Amino acid sequence: MREKIHPKYEQTTITCVCGNVIETGSTRKDIKVEVCSKCHPFYTGGGQRFLDAGGRVDKFKKKYGLE
């Protein structure tokens, strides 16, 4: 590696608006984010959208007289 061209890699703190704090290493110091793995709907499962599959199946069966 060439000398004096690489950024300094150091310990940093990532802070989310939900209050979650993550300690990691980075070339940036004190990163602030809006969404993290603690509050993101994909990871928490709270905000994921699922289609009402049961209702759609019942509607199909009713439409074609399969019940």
Protein backbone atom coordinates (compact mmCIF):
# COMPACT_ATOMS: atom_id res chain seq x y z
CA MET A 1 0.00 0.00 0.00
CA ARG A 2 1.13 3.50 -0.72
CA GLU A 3 1.86 5.75 2.22
CA LYS A 4 -0.39 8.70 3.21
CA ILE A 5 -3.18 8.22 0.63
CA HIS A 6 -5.57 6.02 2.64
CA PRO A 7 -8.12 7.48 5.07
CA LYS A 8 -7.63 6.72 8.76
CA TYR A 9 -9.75 3.78 9.95
CA GLU A 10 -10.94 4.27 13.53
CA GLN A 11 -13.67 3.31 16.00
CA THR A 12 -16.90 5.21 15.43
CA THR A 13 -20.44 5.39 16.78
CA ILE A 14 -23.54 5.03 14.60
CA THR A 15 -26.60 6.63 16.19
CA CYS A 16 -30.16 6.06 14.96
CA VAL A 17 -33.10 8.40 15.58
CA CYS A 18 -34.80 5.55 17.51
CA GLY A 19 -31.97 5.72 20.07
CA ASN A 20 -30.06 2.61 19.03
CA VAL A 21 -26.27 3.05 19.22
CA ILE A 22 -23.88 0.79 17.30
CA GLU A 23 -20.12 0.74 17.85
CA THR A 24 -18.13 -0.15 14.73
CA GLY A 25 -15.12 0.82 12.69
CA SER A 26 -15.23 3.34 9.86
CA THR A 27 -13.32 6.09 8.12
CA ARG A 28 -16.04 8.55 9.21
CA LYS A 29 -16.58 9.76 12.75
CA ASP A 30 -19.96 9.72 14.55
CA ILE A 31 -22.51 8.72 11.90
CA LYS A 32 -26.20 9.57 12.38
CA VAL A 33 -28.83 7.52 10.53
CA GLU A 34 -32.64 7.64 10.29
CA VAL A 35 -33.29 3.87 10.14
CA CYS A 36 -31.33 0.97 11.63
CA SER A 37 -31.75 -2.80 11.92
CA LYS A 38 -33.58 -2.32 15.22
CA CYS A 39 -36.35 -0.08 13.85
CA HIS A 40 -36.50 -0.93 10.12
CA PRO A 41 -39.77 -2.71 9.19
CA PHE A 42 -37.97 -5.41 7.17
CA TYR A 43 -36.00 -6.58 10.22
CA THR A 44 -38.66 -6.01 12.88
CA GLY A 45 -41.53 -7.53 10.90
CA GLY A 46 -43.89 -4.89 12.23
CA GLY A 47 -44.40 -2.91 9.09
CA GLN A 48 -44.21 -5.52 6.40
CA ARG A 49 -47.16 -5.58 4.05
CA PHE A 50 -48.76 -8.93 3.41
CA LEU A 51 -51.66 -9.37 1.05
CA ASP A 52 -54.78 -10.86 2.49
CA ALA A 53 -54.21 -14.15 0.71
CA GLY A 54 -57.01 -15.91 2.54
CA GLY A 55 -59.55 -13.30 1.46
CA ARG A 56 -58.38 -13.45 -2.13
CA VAL A 57 -58.67 -17.25 -2.21
CA ASP A 58 -62.19 -17.10 -0.74
CA LYS A 59 -63.16 -14.48 -3.32
CA PHE A 60 -61.84 -16.71 -6.14
CA LYS A 61 -63.71 -19.76 -4.83
CA LYS A 62 -66.92 -17.79 -4.45
CA LYS A 63 -66.57 -16.32 -7.96
CA TYR A 64 -66.18 -19.72 -9.61
CA GLY A 65 -68.47 -21.68 -7.29
CA LEU A 66 -65.76 -23.93 -5.89
CA GLU A 67 -66.90 -23.83 -2.27
